Amino acid sequence: MTALTTAPDWPDLIRTRLMWGRDRARTIGSLQEQLRCTRRTVERAIEQSRLEGFPVCTGPEGVWLTTDAAELRAHADRLRQRAITQLLGARALRATARRHERVQQTTLFGDAA
């Protein structure tokens, strides 16, 4: 009889490997290698940690925990700007899709093909 295994608690596993302070940031790649998971798994765990109220920041240096409220606010502002940019991109894609829906596809022989 085999023992049942449960899915790893990725956010908790990631948080136990993060350090306090930007100068002690860990790269997503190093976390991925250490935990033998995908980059996307690490990114989802980071986002889940934020949703749970953990003070997780990311930047060119990597991922770190902070106690600096100003740093958290600045990071939240950067995330907000990225979200707005993505929403604008989604709106543009919807407009492009509408234009494509209006285009009638023609063939060499007209509608007979």
N, C-alpha and C. Protein backbone atom coordinates (compact mmCIF):
# COMPACT_ATOMS: atom_id res chain seq x y z
N MET A 1 0.85 -1.17 0.00
CA MET A 1 0.00 0.00 0.00
C MET A 1 0.90 1.24 0.00
N THR A 2 0.61 2.18 -0.90
CA THR A 2 1.43 3.38 -0.98
C THR A 2 0.80 4.50 -0.17
N ALA A 3 1.65 5.34 0.36
CA ALA A 3 1.17 6.47 1.15
C ALA A 3 0.64 7.56 0.21
N LEU A 4 -0.41 8.20 0.63
CA LEU A 4 -0.95 9.30 -0.16
C LEU A 4 -0.04 10.51 0.01
N THR A 5 0.23 11.18 -1.09
CA THR A 5 1.04 12.40 -0.99
C THR A 5 0.15 13.59 -1.29
N THR A 6 0.44 14.68 -0.64
CA THR A 6 -0.32 15.90 -0.88
C THR A 6 0.52 16.84 -1.73
N ALA A 7 -0.16 17.72 -2.42
CA ALA A 7 0.54 18.71 -3.24
C ALA A 7 1.35 19.62 -2.33
N PRO A 8 2.53 20.03 -2.78
CA PRO A 8 3.34 20.94 -1.96
C PRO A 8 2.63 22.27 -1.75
N ASP A 9 2.87 22.87 -0.61
CA ASP A 9 2.37 24.22 -0.33
C ASP A 9 3.42 25.18 -0.87
N TRP A 10 3.35 25.46 -2.18
CA TRP A 10 4.39 26.25 -2.83
C TRP A 10 4.60 27.62 -2.20
N PRO A 11 3.54 28.38 -1.88
CA PRO A 11 3.79 29.69 -1.27
C PRO A 11 4.61 29.57 0.02
N ASP A 12 4.29 28.58 0.85
CA ASP A 12 5.03 28.40 2.10
C ASP A 12 6.47 27.99 1.82
N LEU A 13 6.66 27.08 0.87
CA LEU A 13 8.02 26.65 0.52
C LEU A 13 8.87 27.81 0.00
N ILE A 14 8.26 28.64 -0.82
CA ILE A 14 8.99 29.80 -1.35
C ILE A 14 9.34 30.77 -0.23
N ARG A 15 8.34 31.09 0.62
CA ARG A 15 8.58 32.06 1.70
C ARG A 15 9.69 31.61 2.64
N THR A 16 9.81 30.31 2.89
CA THR A 16 10.86 29.86 3.81
C THR A 16 12.25 30.06 3.22
N ARG A 17 12.32 30.30 1.92
CA ARG A 17 13.62 30.50 1.27
C ARG A 17 13.93 31.96 0.97
N LEU A 18 12.98 32.85 1.26
CA LEU A 18 13.21 34.27 1.01
C LEU A 18 13.91 34.90 2.21
N MET A 19 14.69 35.93 1.91
CA MET A 19 15.42 36.65 2.94
C MET A 19 14.84 38.06 3.07
N TRP A 20 15.12 38.68 4.20
CA TRP A 20 14.66 40.05 4.44
C TRP A 20 15.66 41.02 3.85
N GLY A 21 15.20 41.93 3.00
CA GLY A 21 16.03 42.98 2.44
C GLY A 21 16.39 42.74 0.99
N ARG A 22 16.34 43.82 0.22
CA ARG A 22 16.66 43.79 -1.20
C ARG A 22 18.07 43.27 -1.45
N ASP A 23 18.99 43.60 -0.55
CA ASP A 23 20.38 43.18 -0.73
C ASP A 23 20.57 41.67 -0.54
N ARG A 24 19.53 40.98 -0.08
CA ARG A 24 19.61 39.52 0.11
C ARG A 24 18.58 38.80 -0.78
N ALA A 25 18.20 39.46 -1.88
CA ALA A 25 17.18 38.91 -2.79
C ALA A 25 17.65 37.59 -3.40
N ARG A 26 16.69 36.71 -3.66
CA ARG A 26 16.92 35.44 -4.34
C ARG A 26 16.31 35.53 -5.73
N THR A 27 16.98 34.99 -6.72
CA THR A 27 16.41 35.02 -8.06
C THR A 27 15.34 33.94 -8.20
N ILE A 28 14.40 34.19 -9.09
CA ILE A 28 13.36 33.19 -9.35
C ILE A 28 14.01 31.92 -9.87
N GLY A 29 15.02 32.07 -10.70
CA GLY A 29 15.73 30.90 -11.23
C GLY A 29 16.35 30.05 -10.14
N SER A 30 16.95 30.68 -9.14
CA SER A 30 17.57 29.90 -8.06
C SER A 30 16.51 29.20 -7.21
N LEU A 31 15.37 29.86 -6.99
CA LEU A 31 14.28 29.23 -6.25
C LEU A 31 13.72 28.04 -7.05
N GLN A 32 13.57 28.24 -8.33
CA GLN A 32 13.07 27.19 -9.22
C GLN A 32 13.99 25.97 -9.18
N GLU A 33 15.27 26.21 -9.29
CA GLU A 33 16.23 25.10 -9.26
C GLU A 33 16.23 24.40 -7.91
N GLN A 34 16.23 25.17 -6.85
CA GLN A 34 16.28 24.59 -5.51
C GLN A 34 15.06 23.73 -5.22
N LEU A 35 13.89 24.19 -5.66
CA LEU A 35 12.65 23.47 -5.38
C LEU A 35 12.25 22.50 -6.49
N ARG A 36 13.00 22.52 -7.58
CA ARG A 36 12.73 21.63 -8.72
C ARG A 36 11.29 21.76 -9.20
N CYS A 37 10.94 23.00 -9.52
CA CYS A 37 9.60 23.29 -10.02
C CYS A 37 9.74 24.25 -11.19
N THR A 38 8.64 24.62 -11.79
CA THR A 38 8.68 25.54 -12.93
C THR A 38 8.76 26.99 -12.46
N ARG A 39 9.22 27.83 -13.36
CA ARG A 39 9.27 29.27 -13.08
C ARG A 39 7.86 29.79 -12.76
N ARG A 40 6.89 29.31 -13.53
CA ARG A 40 5.51 29.75 -13.31
C ARG A 40 5.00 29.36 -11.92
N THR A 41 5.42 28.20 -11.41
CA THR A 41 5.03 27.78 -10.06
C THR A 41 5.57 28.77 -9.03
N VAL A 42 6.82 29.18 -9.21
CA VAL A 42 7.42 30.16 -8.30
C VAL A 42 6.67 31.48 -8.39
N GLU A 43 6.38 31.94 -9.62
CA GLU A 43 5.67 33.20 -9.79
C GLU A 43 4.28 33.17 -9.17
N ARG A 44 3.56 32.06 -9.34
CA ARG A 44 2.23 31.92 -8.72
C ARG A 44 2.33 31.93 -7.20
N ALA A 45 3.35 31.26 -6.66
CA ALA A 45 3.53 31.21 -5.21
C ALA A 45 3.84 32.60 -4.65
N ILE A 46 4.61 33.38 -5.39
CA ILE A 46 4.92 34.75 -4.97
C ILE A 46 3.64 35.57 -4.93
N GLU A 47 2.84 35.46 -6.00
CA GLU A 47 1.59 36.21 -6.05
C GLU A 47 0.63 35.77 -4.95
N GLN A 48 0.54 34.47 -4.71
CA GLN A 48 -0.32 33.96 -3.64
C GLN A 48 0.14 34.49 -2.28
N SER A 49 1.44 34.56 -2.07
CA SER A 49 1.97 35.10 -0.82
C SER A 49 1.56 36.54 -0.63
N ARG A 50 1.61 37.32 -1.71
CA ARG A 50 1.16 38.72 -1.62
C ARG A 50 -0.32 38.79 -1.27
N LEU A 51 -1.12 37.93 -1.92
CA LEU A 51 -2.56 37.93 -1.65
C LEU A 51 -2.86 37.55 -0.20
N GLU A 52 -1.97 36.77 0.40
CA GLU A 52 -2.14 36.37 1.80
C GLU A 52 -1.58 37.41 2.76
N GLY A 53 -1.03 38.51 2.23
CA GLY A 53 -0.57 39.60 3.07
C GLY A 53 0.90 39.59 3.43
N PHE A 54 1.69 38.77 2.76
CA PHE A 54 3.13 38.75 3.04
C PHE A 54 3.81 39.87 2.25
N PRO A 55 4.80 40.53 2.83
CA PRO A 55 5.45 41.68 2.20
C PRO A 55 6.54 41.27 1.19
N VAL A 56 6.11 40.69 0.07
CA VAL A 56 7.04 40.18 -0.93
C VAL A 56 7.24 41.20 -2.04
N CYS A 57 8.50 41.54 -2.30
CA CYS A 57 8.85 42.45 -3.39
C CYS A 57 9.67 41.69 -4.42
N THR A 58 9.59 42.16 -5.66
CA THR A 58 10.41 41.60 -6.73
C THR A 58 11.02 42.74 -7.53
N GLY A 59 12.14 42.47 -8.15
CA GLY A 59 12.81 43.46 -8.97
C GLY A 59 13.95 42.80 -9.71
N PRO A 60 14.79 43.60 -10.35
CA PRO A 60 15.93 43.04 -11.09
C PRO A 60 16.85 42.19 -10.20
N GLU A 61 16.87 42.51 -8.91
CA GLU A 61 17.72 41.77 -7.98
C GLU A 61 17.17 40.38 -7.69
N GLY A 62 15.85 40.21 -7.79
CA GLY A 62 15.21 38.95 -7.46
C GLY A 62 13.97 39.17 -6.62
N VAL A 63 13.79 38.29 -5.63
CA VAL A 63 12.62 38.31 -4.75
C VAL A 63 13.10 38.45 -3.31
N TRP A 64 12.43 39.26 -2.53
CA TRP A 64 12.81 39.45 -1.14
C TRP A 64 11.61 39.86 -0.31
N LEU A 65 11.76 39.77 0.99
CA LEU A 65 10.76 40.25 1.95
C LEU A 65 11.22 41.60 2.46
N THR A 66 10.27 42.46 2.79
CA THR A 66 10.64 43.77 3.31
C THR A 66 9.75 44.17 4.47
N THR A 67 10.29 45.03 5.33
CA THR A 67 9.51 45.63 6.40
C THR A 67 9.32 47.13 6.15
N ASP A 68 9.83 47.60 5.01
CA ASP A 68 9.80 49.02 4.65
C ASP A 68 8.49 49.35 3.94
N ALA A 69 7.62 50.10 4.61
CA ALA A 69 6.31 50.46 4.04
C ALA A 69 6.46 51.26 2.75
N ALA A 70 7.44 52.14 2.67
CA ALA A 70 7.64 52.93 1.45
C ALA A 70 8.04 52.02 0.29
N GLU A 71 8.85 51.03 0.56
CA GLU A 71 9.26 50.09 -0.48
C GLU A 71 8.04 49.28 -0.97
N LEU A 72 7.18 48.88 -0.04
CA LEU A 72 5.97 48.15 -0.41
C LEU A 72 5.05 49.01 -1.26
N ARG A 73 4.88 50.28 -0.87
CA ARG A 73 4.02 51.17 -1.65
C ARG A 73 4.57 51.37 -3.07
N ALA A 74 5.88 51.58 -3.17
CA ALA A 74 6.50 51.78 -4.48
C ALA A 74 6.33 50.53 -5.35
N HIS A 75 6.48 49.36 -4.73
CA HIS A 75 6.32 48.12 -5.48
C HIS A 75 4.86 47.94 -5.91
N ALA A 76 3.93 48.26 -5.02
CA ALA A 76 2.50 48.18 -5.36
C ALA A 76 2.18 49.11 -6.53
N ASP A 77 2.78 50.30 -6.54
CA ASP A 77 2.56 51.24 -7.65
C ASP A 77 3.09 50.67 -8.96
N ARG A 78 4.25 50.01 -8.94
CA ARG A 78 4.79 49.40 -10.16
C ARG A 78 3.89 48.27 -10.66
N LEU A 79 3.39 47.45 -9.73
CA LEU A 79 2.48 46.36 -10.11
C LEU A 79 1.19 46.92 -10.71
N ARG A 80 0.69 48.00 -10.12
CA ARG A 80 -0.53 48.62 -10.63
C ARG A 80 -0.31 49.14 -12.04
N GLN A 81 0.82 49.78 -12.29
CA GLN A 81 1.09 50.31 -13.63
C GLN A 81 1.19 49.17 -14.65
N ARG A 82 1.82 48.06 -14.27
CA ARG A 82 1.90 46.90 -15.16
C ARG A 82 0.50 46.36 -15.45
N ALA A 83 -0.35 46.31 -14.43
CA ALA A 83 -1.72 45.80 -14.61
C ALA A 83 -2.49 46.70 -15.57
N ILE A 84 -2.35 48.01 -15.43
CA ILE A 84 -3.03 48.95 -16.32
C ILE A 84 -2.55 48.74 -17.75
N THR A 85 -1.25 48.60 -17.93
CA THR A 85 -0.69 48.37 -19.26
C THR A 85 -1.25 47.09 -19.87
N GLN A 86 -1.35 46.03 -19.08
CA GLN A 86 -1.90 44.77 -19.59
C GLN A 86 -3.38 44.91 -19.93
N LEU A 87 -4.13 45.63 -19.12
CA LEU A 87 -5.55 45.86 -19.43
C LEU A 87 -5.72 46.66 -20.72
N LEU A 88 -4.86 47.65 -20.94
CA LEU A 88 -4.91 48.41 -22.19
C LEU A 88 -4.58 47.51 -23.38
N GLY A 89 -3.62 46.61 -23.19
CA GLY A 89 -3.29 45.66 -24.25
C GLY A 89 -4.44 44.73 -24.56
N ALA A 90 -5.13 44.27 -23.52
CA ALA A 90 -6.29 43.39 -23.71
C ALA A 90 -7.40 44.13 -24.46
N ARG A 91 -7.62 45.39 -24.11
CA ARG A 91 -8.64 46.18 -24.80
C ARG A 91 -8.29 46.35 -26.27
N ALA A 92 -7.03 46.60 -26.56
CA ALA A 92 -6.59 46.75 -27.96
C ALA A 92 -6.78 45.44 -28.73
N LEU A 93 -6.50 44.31 -28.09
CA LEU A 93 -6.69 43.02 -28.76
C LEU A 93 -8.16 42.75 -29.05
N ARG A 94 -9.04 43.13 -28.13
CA ARG A 94 -10.48 42.97 -28.38
C ARG A 94 -10.92 43.81 -29.58
N ALA A 95 -10.41 45.03 -29.67
CA ALA A 95 -10.75 45.89 -30.81
C ALA A 95 -10.22 45.27 -32.10
N THR A 96 -9.04 44.72 -32.06
CA THR A 96 -8.47 44.06 -33.24
C THR A 96 -9.32 42.86 -33.63
N ALA A 97 -9.77 42.08 -32.65
CA ALA A 97 -10.63 40.92 -32.93
C ALA A 97 -11.93 41.36 -33.60
N ARG A 98 -12.51 42.47 -33.12
CA ARG A 98 -13.75 42.97 -33.74
C ARG A 98 -13.51 43.36 -35.19
N ARG A 99 -12.37 44.01 -35.46
CA ARG A 99 -12.05 44.37 -36.85
C ARG A 99 -11.89 43.12 -37.71
N HIS A 100 -11.25 42.09 -37.17
CA HIS A 100 -11.06 40.85 -37.92
C HIS A 100 -12.39 40.14 -38.18
N GLU A 101 -13.31 40.24 -37.24
CA GLU A 101 -14.61 39.61 -37.43
C GLU A 101 -15.39 40.26 -38.56
N ARG A 102 -15.17 41.55 -38.79
CA ARG A 102 -15.89 42.27 -39.85
C ARG A 102 -15.31 42.02 -41.23
N VAL A 103 -14.08 41.57 -41.29
CA VAL A 103 -13.43 41.34 -42.58
C VAL A 103 -14.03 40.10 -43.22
N GLN A 104 -14.50 40.23 -44.44
CA GLN A 104 -15.03 39.09 -45.17
C GLN A 104 -13.86 38.43 -45.89
N GLN A 105 -13.72 37.14 -45.69
CA GLN A 105 -12.66 36.42 -46.36
C GLN A 105 -13.10 36.12 -47.78
N THR A 106 -12.26 36.46 -48.71
CA THR A 106 -12.60 36.19 -50.10
C THR A 106 -11.66 35.15 -50.67
N THR A 107 -12.15 34.49 -51.71
CA THR A 107 -11.33 33.47 -52.38
C THR A 107 -11.17 33.90 -53.84
N LEU A 108 -10.38 33.20 -54.56
CA LEU A 108 -10.14 33.48 -55.96
C LEU A 108 -11.43 33.42 -56.77
N PHE A 109 -12.34 32.52 -56.36
CA PHE A 109 -13.58 32.33 -57.10
C PHE A 109 -14.79 32.91 -56.36
N GLY A 110 -14.58 33.82 -55.45
CA GLY A 110 -15.68 34.43 -54.73
C GLY A 110 -16.26 33.50 -53.69
N ASP A 111 -17.55 33.62 -53.41
CA ASP A 111 -18.21 32.83 -52.39
C ASP A 111 -18.44 31.38 -52.79
N ALA A 112 -18.23 31.04 -54.06
CA ALA A 112 -18.49 29.68 -54.52
C ALA A 112 -17.54 28.66 -53.93
N ALA A 113 -16.39 29.09 -53.49
CA ALA A 113 -15.41 28.14 -52.94
C ALA A 113 -15.83 27.79 -51.57
